[in-house]
């Protein structure tokens, strides 16, 4: 990996890290140099949380000793992977991430756990794909609690990873190079919500037998925002993770071709991009305006909080399909606020078509 690409990936990944920290996820990052596979970025739980997970593993007599595969293989992780043909943004739960897998299995045995997991899966953008590496797969819009349980068992049986993510062709990403950094950031924000729901944590403990804090989601998210970690301690040196030789972080992806022009990925990550500030959003939005088809809106809550999109559909049940560039997600109308134009009316954009087609080159492998 050339230094320019490394610098751009580092700049982009720190902004993602900060955004994830806004709703309480303390994740360390590592820029993967591509020596053992495709280059990219990996986000994994902090060292303190890894110690907590290891204590739970030991208390439950889970044997980590045969693994020694490094923190990438033994923990749930968020991954950006750049191959010669695709750009991938994924949440991966390797079968060797014993605490995460066993905790998810326990969670999916209870009705409340199934509801909590599937509700977050259903809120993912429609372009996301999920399944087992080398096994059963499908669009996230069709996942049921039963299917999720079966996939976890299948991943364990195959010794493979359970994954959720967005795969788009590299040529499409390059064509959208001015927007793709922000779109991938949005994708990781959505995956961060899923990580919070599926990966083990003290607040998502269905496995160790310790009493969980039964708090409403809104209260829990509010508490998380107050615990936003500082930058200190959240930016380890790349070598802290890259040099552990973890094969699990690279084995599932095709190896990029050597040295060709197709390996140039730096246009996808501009050093700077315009950001609509919250103050500007507040000045241009009006909660009194109705949300209608074609309305330009700002999202007030959830992984897309602060993002600007266009309402493409209303389902009549309090939900809306909102388009964010190449991504489309279903959100609650109550979490949206309309932009106004200079006359004080709704700012509406003409939609190209109401015919729904797959966006973003979703992989159907």
Protein backbone atom coordinates (compact mmCIF):
# COMPACT_ATOMS: atom_id res chain seq x y z
CA UNK A 1 0.00 0.00 0.00
CA UNK A 2 1.39 3.40 -0.94
CA UNK A 3 1.64 6.07 1.75
CA UNK A 4 -0.90 8.35 0.08
CA UNK A 5 -3.62 5.68 0.20
CA UNK A 6 -2.69 4.81 3.80
CA UNK A 7 -3.02 8.46 4.81
CA UNK A 8 -6.41 8.79 3.11
CA UNK A 9 -7.72 5.60 4.70
CA UNK A 10 -6.49 6.75 8.09
CA UNK A 11 -8.21 10.13 7.68
CA UNK A 12 -11.48 8.47 6.65
CA UNK A 13 -11.38 5.76 9.31
CA UNK A 14 -10.85 8.23 12.16
CA UNK A 15 -14.00 10.11 11.09
CA UNK A 16 -15.88 6.78 11.13
CA UNK A 17 -14.41 5.96 14.54
CA UNK A 18 -15.62 9.29 15.90
CA UNK A 19 -19.08 8.80 14.43
CA UNK A 20 -19.38 5.34 15.99
CA UNK A 21 -18.24 6.77 19.31
CA UNK A 22 -21.16 9.22 19.23
CA UNK A 23 -23.52 6.38 20.10
CA UNK A 24 -21.21 4.65 22.54
CA UNK A 25 -19.08 2.22 20.51
CA UNK A 26 -15.46 2.26 21.64
CA UNK A 27 -13.66 0.61 18.74
CA UNK A 28 -9.98 0.63 17.87
CA UNK A 29 -8.94 0.79 14.24
CA UNK A 30 -6.15 -0.60 12.13
CA UNK A 31 -5.29 0.23 8.54
CA UNK A 32 -4.50 -3.09 6.82
CA UNK A 33 -1.62 -2.72 4.39
CA UNK A 34 -2.66 -5.47 1.97
CA UNK A 35 0.41 -7.70 2.37
CA UNK A 36 -1.70 -10.74 3.24
CA UNK A 37 -4.76 -9.79 1.21
CA UNK A 38 -6.83 -6.79 0.13
CA UNK A 39 -6.03 -3.47 1.82
CA UNK A 40 -8.58 -1.74 3.99
CA UNK A 41 -9.50 -0.92 7.58
CA UNK A 42 -10.59 -3.08 10.52
CA UNK A 43 -12.46 -1.81 13.59
CA UNK A 44 -12.40 -4.07 16.66
CA UNK A 45 -13.46 -3.66 20.30
CA UNK A 46 -11.09 -1.79 22.58
CA UNK A 47 -8.39 -3.57 24.59
CA UNK A 48 -10.36 -3.04 27.81
CA UNK A 49 -13.46 -4.63 26.30
CA UNK A 50 -11.36 -7.48 24.89
CA UNK A 51 -10.14 -8.17 28.43
CA UNK A 52 -13.75 -8.23 29.65
CA UNK A 53 -14.72 -10.64 26.87
CA UNK A 54 -11.78 -12.89 27.72
CA UNK A 55 -12.88 -12.99 31.37
CA UNK A 56 -16.35 -14.06 30.27
CA UNK A 57 -14.82 -16.74 28.04
CA UNK A 58 -12.77 -18.12 30.90
CA UNK A 59 -15.72 -18.01 33.30
CA UNK A 60 -17.83 -19.97 30.80
CA UNK A 61 -14.93 -22.37 30.11
CA UNK A 62 -14.57 -21.39 26.46
CA UNK A 63 -11.15 -22.53 25.35
CA UNK A 64 -9.21 -19.83 23.52
CA UNK A 65 -5.86 -21.60 23.86
CA UNK A 66 -5.89 -23.46 20.52
CA UNK A 67 -6.64 -20.27 18.58
CA UNK A 68 -3.87 -17.72 19.01
CA UNK A 69 -5.19 -16.13 15.82
CA UNK A 70 -5.10 -12.56 17.06
CA UNK A 71 -7.76 -10.04 17.96
CA UNK A 72 -9.24 -9.96 14.45
CA UNK A 73 -10.26 -13.64 14.53
CA UNK A 74 -11.39 -13.75 18.15
CA UNK A 75 -13.70 -10.73 18.08
CA UNK A 76 -16.58 -9.35 16.07
CA UNK A 77 -15.28 -6.65 13.74
CA UNK A 78 -16.26 -4.03 11.21
CA UNK A 79 -14.26 -4.29 8.00
CA UNK A 80 -13.64 -2.08 4.97
CA UNK A 81 -12.05 -4.23 2.26
CA UNK A 82 -10.80 -2.92 -1.10
CA UNK A 83 -10.35 -5.63 -3.72
CA UNK A 84 -9.41 -5.27 -7.37
CA UNK A 85 -13.11 -5.39 -8.31
CA UNK A 86 -15.20 -4.39 -5.28
CA UNK A 87 -15.48 -2.18 -2.21
CA UNK A 88 -16.89 -4.02 0.81
CA UNK A 89 -18.23 -2.66 4.09
CA UNK A 90 -19.09 -5.48 6.50
CA UNK A 91 -19.78 -6.62 10.02
CA UNK A 92 -18.16 -10.02 10.52
CA UNK A 93 -18.63 -12.47 13.39
CA UNK A 94 -16.04 -15.25 12.87
CA UNK A 95 -16.88 -18.68 14.27
CA UNK A 96 -13.70 -18.29 16.35
CA UNK A 97 -15.14 -15.17 18.05
CA UNK A 98 -16.42 -17.50 20.77
CA UNK A 99 -17.91 -14.96 23.17
CA UNK A 100 -19.76 -13.13 20.40
CA UNK A 101 -21.11 -16.31 18.80
CA UNK A 102 -22.18 -17.95 22.06
CA UNK A 103 -23.75 -14.72 23.28
CA UNK A 104 -25.68 -14.30 20.03
CA UNK A 105 -26.89 -17.89 20.21
CA UNK A 106 -28.15 -17.28 23.76
CA UNK A 107 -29.77 -14.01 22.74
CA UNK A 108 -31.66 -15.64 19.88
CA UNK A 109 -33.18 -18.20 22.27
CA UNK A 110 -35.31 -15.53 23.94
CA UNK A 111 -38.24 -13.72 22.27
CA UNK A 112 -36.94 -10.34 23.44
CA UNK A 113 -33.50 -11.12 22.06
CA UNK A 114 -34.85 -12.18 18.67
CA UNK A 115 -36.94 -9.01 18.45
CA UNK A 116 -33.99 -6.81 19.43
CA UNK A 117 -31.72 -8.42 16.83
CA UNK A 118 -34.16 -8.61 13.92
CA UNK A 119 -35.46 -5.07 14.42
CA UNK A 120 -31.94 -3.72 13.87
CA UNK A 121 -31.40 -6.02 10.88
CA UNK A 122 -34.66 -4.81 9.33
CA UNK A 123 -33.51 -1.20 9.67
CA UNK A 124 -30.39 -1.79 7.58
CA UNK A 125 -30.27 -0.28 4.08
CA UNK A 126 -31.99 -2.40 1.46
CA UNK A 127 -28.75 -2.85 -0.46
CA UNK A 128 -27.17 -4.85 2.36
CA UNK A 129 -26.52 -8.59 2.00
CA UNK A 130 -25.97 -11.13 4.77
CA UNK A 131 -25.24 -14.76 5.43
CA UNK A 132 -22.47 -17.27 6.00
CA UNK A 133 -19.19 -17.20 4.08
CA UNK A 134 -19.32 -20.16 1.73
CA UNK A 135 -22.89 -20.97 2.81
CA UNK A 136 -26.43 -19.61 2.98
CA UNK A 137 -26.88 -15.94 2.06
CA UNK A 138 -29.63 -13.47 1.21
CA UNK A 139 -30.78 -9.83 1.35
CA UNK A 140 -31.24 -8.40 4.83
CA UNK A 141 -34.83 -7.44 4.01
CA UNK A 142 -35.80 -11.13 4.07
CA UNK A 143 -34.04 -12.28 7.24
CA UNK A 144 -36.21 -13.81 9.96
CA UNK A 145 -35.28 -14.75 13.50
CA UNK A 146 -35.36 -18.43 12.60
CA UNK A 147 -33.08 -17.87 9.62
CA UNK A 148 -30.67 -15.86 11.76
CA UNK A 149 -30.44 -18.73 14.27
CA UNK A 150 -29.83 -21.21 11.47
CA UNK A 151 -27.09 -19.03 10.00
CA UNK A 152 -25.28 -18.81 13.35
CA UNK A 153 -25.34 -22.63 13.63
CA UNK A 154 -24.19 -22.99 10.03
CA UNK A 155 -21.29 -20.56 10.55
CA UNK A 156 -20.14 -22.55 13.58
CA UNK A 157 -20.48 -25.83 11.69
CA UNK A 158 -18.43 -24.55 8.76
CA UNK A 159 -15.94 -22.66 10.92
CA UNK A 160 -16.83 -19.59 8.84
CA UNK A 161 -17.93 -16.00 9.46
CA UNK A 162 -21.46 -14.68 9.79
CA UNK A 163 -21.49 -11.41 7.89
CA UNK A 164 -23.70 -8.42 7.10
CA UNK A 165 -22.66 -5.78 4.63
CA UNK A 166 -22.63 -3.83 1.43
CA UNK A 167 -20.63 -4.84 -1.62
CA UNK A 168 -20.48 -2.56 -4.65
CA UNK A 169 -18.47 -2.74 -7.85
CA UNK A 170 -15.31 -0.70 -7.79
CA UNK A 171 -16.15 1.06 -11.06
CA UNK A 172 -19.42 2.30 -9.54
CA UNK A 173 -17.54 3.48 -6.44
CA UNK A 174 -15.05 5.36 -8.60
CA UNK A 175 -17.90 6.94 -10.58
CA UNK A 176 -19.29 8.21 -7.25
CA UNK A 177 -15.89 9.20 -5.88
CA UNK A 178 -17.01 12.59 -4.57
CA UNK A 179 -19.73 10.93 -2.45
CA UNK A 180 -18.47 7.43 -1.75
CA UNK A 181 -16.50 8.31 1.39
CA UNK A 182 -19.63 9.72 3.01
CA UNK A 183 -21.78 6.82 1.81
CA UNK A 184 -19.36 4.29 3.26
CA UNK A 185 -19.35 6.26 6.50
CA UNK A 186 -23.16 5.97 6.55
CA UNK A 187 -22.89 2.25 5.87
CA UNK A 188 -20.52 1.80 8.81
CA UNK A 189 -22.83 3.81 11.03
CA UNK A 190 -25.66 1.37 10.20
CA UNK A 191 -23.31 -1.58 10.74
CA UNK A 192 -22.28 -0.03 14.06
CA UNK A 193 -25.89 -0.23 15.26
CA UNK A 194 -25.94 -3.87 14.23
CA UNK A 195 -22.60 -4.52 15.98
CA UNK A 196 -24.13 -3.03 19.13
CA UNK A 197 -27.08 -5.43 18.85
CA UNK A 198 -25.20 -8.63 17.97
CA UNK A 199 -21.71 -8.46 19.50
CA UNK A 200 -21.14 -9.21 23.17
CA UNK A 201 -20.85 -6.30 25.59
CA UNK A 202 -21.70 -5.65 29.23
CA UNK A 203 -24.95 -4.03 28.01
CA UNK A 204 -25.70 -6.92 25.62
CA UNK A 205 -24.89 -9.89 27.82
CA UNK A 206 -27.14 -12.92 27.29
CA UNK A 207 -24.38 -15.42 27.95
CA UNK A 208 -22.41 -14.92 31.16
CA UNK A 209 -25.39 -15.23 33.51
CA UNK A 210 -24.84 -11.78 34.96
CA UNK A 211 -27.94 -9.65 35.37
CA UNK A 212 -28.46 -7.36 32.41
CA UNK A 213 -29.61 -3.82 32.86
CA UNK A 214 -33.13 -3.69 31.48
CA UNK A 215 -33.24 -0.12 30.25
CA UNK A 216 -35.30 1.38 27.44
CA UNK A 217 -33.40 1.80 24.19
CA UNK A 218 -33.76 5.60 24.23
CA UNK A 219 -32.36 5.79 27.76
CA UNK A 220 -29.51 3.44 26.86
CA UNK A 221 -28.55 5.47 23.79
CA UNK A 222 -28.68 8.67 25.83
CA UNK A 223 -26.32 7.19 28.40
CA UNK A 224 -23.98 6.06 25.66
CA UNK A 225 -23.75 9.54 24.21
CA UNK A 226 -22.50 10.77 27.58
CA UNK A 227 -19.82 8.08 27.59
CA UNK A 228 -18.31 9.13 24.28
CA UNK A 229 -14.64 8.12 24.54
CA UNK A 230 -11.92 10.64 24.08
CA UNK A 231 -9.52 10.37 21.16
CA UNK A 232 -6.73 9.32 23.49
CA UNK A 233 -6.39 5.56 23.47
CA UNK A 234 -8.63 5.06 20.44
CA UNK A 235 -6.00 5.36 17.72
CA UNK A 236 -3.47 2.59 18.11
CA UNK A 237 -0.55 2.34 15.77
CA UNK A 238 -1.35 0.32 12.67
CA UNK A 239 1.30 -2.25 13.54
CA UNK A 240 -0.50 -3.15 16.78
CA UNK A 241 -2.99 -5.18 14.75
CA UNK A 242 -1.62 -5.55 11.23
CA UNK A 243 1.45 -7.46 12.32
CA UNK A 244 -0.43 -10.19 14.17
CA UNK A 245 -0.82 -12.12 10.92
CA UNK A 246 -4.52 -12.75 11.37
CA UNK A 247 -5.70 -14.81 8.39
CA UNK A 248 -9.35 -14.43 9.26
CA UNK A 249 -9.37 -10.79 8.25
CA UNK A 250 -8.34 -11.56 4.69
CA UNK A 251 -9.08 -15.16 3.73
CA UNK A 252 -12.67 -14.53 2.65
CA UNK A 253 -11.86 -12.01 -0.06
CA UNK A 254 -10.28 -12.33 -3.50
CA UNK A 255 -6.65 -11.30 -3.73
CA UNK A 256 -6.15 -8.11 -5.73
CA UNK A 257 -4.08 -8.20 -8.89
CA UNK A 258 -0.53 -7.00 -8.60
CA UNK A 259 0.44 -3.50 -9.46
CA UNK A 260 -2.21 -2.75 -12.11
CA UNK A 261 -4.07 0.54 -12.42
CA UNK A 262 -7.22 -1.14 -11.06
CA UNK A 263 -5.62 -1.22 -7.62
CA UNK A 264 -5.67 2.57 -7.37
CA UNK A 265 -8.28 3.31 -4.72
CA UNK A 266 -7.25 6.74 -3.46
CA UNK A 267 -9.91 8.66 -5.49
CA UNK A 268 -12.52 6.98 -3.28
CA UNK A 269 -11.27 8.74 -0.17
CA UNK A 270 -10.82 12.48 -0.71
CA UNK A 271 -8.95 14.21 2.07
CA UNK A 272 -11.82 16.58 2.74
CA UNK A 273 -15.49 16.64 1.86
CA UNK A 274 -18.27 19.14 2.63
CA UNK A 275 -20.25 18.48 5.78
CA UNK A 276 -23.67 19.97 6.52
CA UNK A 277 -23.33 21.27 10.05
CA UNK A 278 -26.05 20.69 12.63
CA UNK A 279 -26.58 24.45 13.09
CA UNK A 280 -27.21 24.82 9.38
CA UNK A 281 -29.62 21.90 9.43
CA UNK A 282 -31.55 23.42 12.33
CA UNK A 283 -31.80 26.76 10.54
CA UNK A 284 -33.17 25.19 7.35
CA UNK A 285 -35.61 22.63 8.79
CA UNK A 286 -39.12 23.07 10.18
CA UNK A 287 -40.80 20.31 12.24
CA UNK A 288 -44.22 21.81 11.41
CA UNK A 289 -43.89 20.89 7.73
CA UNK A 290 -45.46 17.60 6.60
CA UNK A 291 -43.33 14.71 5.41
CA UNK A 292 -44.44 13.77 1.90
CA UNK A 293 -43.12 11.80 -1.03
CA UNK A 294 -40.27 13.78 -2.55
CA UNK A 295 -39.62 15.80 0.61
CA UNK A 296 -35.99 16.57 1.37
CA UNK A 297 -35.44 15.64 5.00
CA UNK A 298 -32.88 15.48 7.80
CA UNK A 299 -32.74 12.41 10.06
CA UNK A 300 -33.05 13.13 13.78
CA UNK A 301 -32.18 9.76 15.35
CA UNK A 302 -30.51 6.44 14.67
CA UNK A 303 -27.43 5.52 12.62
CA UNK A 304 -28.33 8.07 9.91
CA UNK A 305 -28.76 10.90 12.41
CA UNK A 306 -27.83 14.24 10.87
CA UNK A 307 -27.91 12.88 7.31
CA UNK A 308 -29.90 14.49 4.52
CA UNK A 309 -32.07 12.38 2.21
CA UNK A 310 -35.19 12.35 0.07
CA UNK A 311 -38.42 10.53 0.94
CA UNK A 312 -39.15 8.03 -1.82
CA UNK A 313 -42.14 6.21 -0.32
CA UNK A 314 -44.52 6.42 2.64
CA UNK A 315 -46.04 3.16 3.86
CA UNK A 316 -49.04 4.70 5.65
CA UNK A 317 -47.98 3.05 8.92
CA UNK A 318 -45.57 5.69 10.15
CA UNK A 319 -42.63 4.53 8.05
CA UNK A 320 -40.78 6.05 5.11
CA UNK A 321 -38.31 4.79 2.54
CA UNK A 322 -35.54 7.39 2.38
CA UNK A 323 -32.88 7.60 -0.31
CA UNK A 324 -29.32 8.58 0.68
CA UNK A 325 -27.43 8.52 -2.61
CA UNK A 326 -26.77 4.84 -3.39
CA UNK A 327 -28.32 3.66 -0.11
CA UNK A 328 -32.01 3.41 0.77
CA UNK A 329 -33.31 2.76 4.28
CA UNK A 330 -36.68 2.49 5.95
CA UNK A 331 -37.05 4.96 8.82
CA UNK A 332 -39.80 6.18 11.10
CA UNK A 333 -41.46 9.39 9.96
CA UNK A 334 -41.23 10.62 13.55
CA UNK A 335 -37.42 10.56 13.19
CA UNK A 336 -37.47 12.88 10.17
CA UNK A 337 -37.76 16.65 9.81
CA UNK A 338 -38.43 18.43 6.53
CA UNK A 339 -36.28 21.12 4.97
CA UNK A 340 -38.06 24.30 3.92
CA UNK A 341 -37.37 26.39 0.86
CA UNK A 342 -37.11 30.18 0.85
CA UNK A 343 -40.90 30.54 0.78
CA UNK A 344 -41.19 28.51 3.96
CA UNK A 345 -42.77 25.53 2.16
CA UNK A 346 -41.52 21.99 1.88
CA UNK A 347 -38.30 21.58 -0.04
CA UNK A 348 -39.24 18.83 -2.48
CA UNK A 349 -37.12 17.13 -5.06
CA UNK A 350 -38.43 15.47 -8.18
CA UNK A 351 -37.89 11.73 -7.98
CA UNK A 352 -36.53 10.04 -11.07
CA UNK A 353 -38.87 7.07 -10.85
CA UNK A 354 -41.07 5.24 -8.39
CA UNK A 355 -39.98 1.92 -9.89
CA UNK A 356 -37.73 0.25 -7.36
CA UNK A 357 -34.52 -1.22 -8.69
CA UNK A 358 -31.50 -2.60 -6.81
CA UNK A 359 -29.06 0.15 -5.98
CA UNK A 360 -25.36 -0.02 -5.25
CA UNK A 361 -24.47 -3.24 -7.04
CA UNK A 362 -25.50 -5.60 -4.25
CA UNK A 363 -23.53 -8.81 -4.34
CA UNK A 364 -25.58 -11.94 -4.89
CA UNK A 365 -22.82 -14.39 -4.34
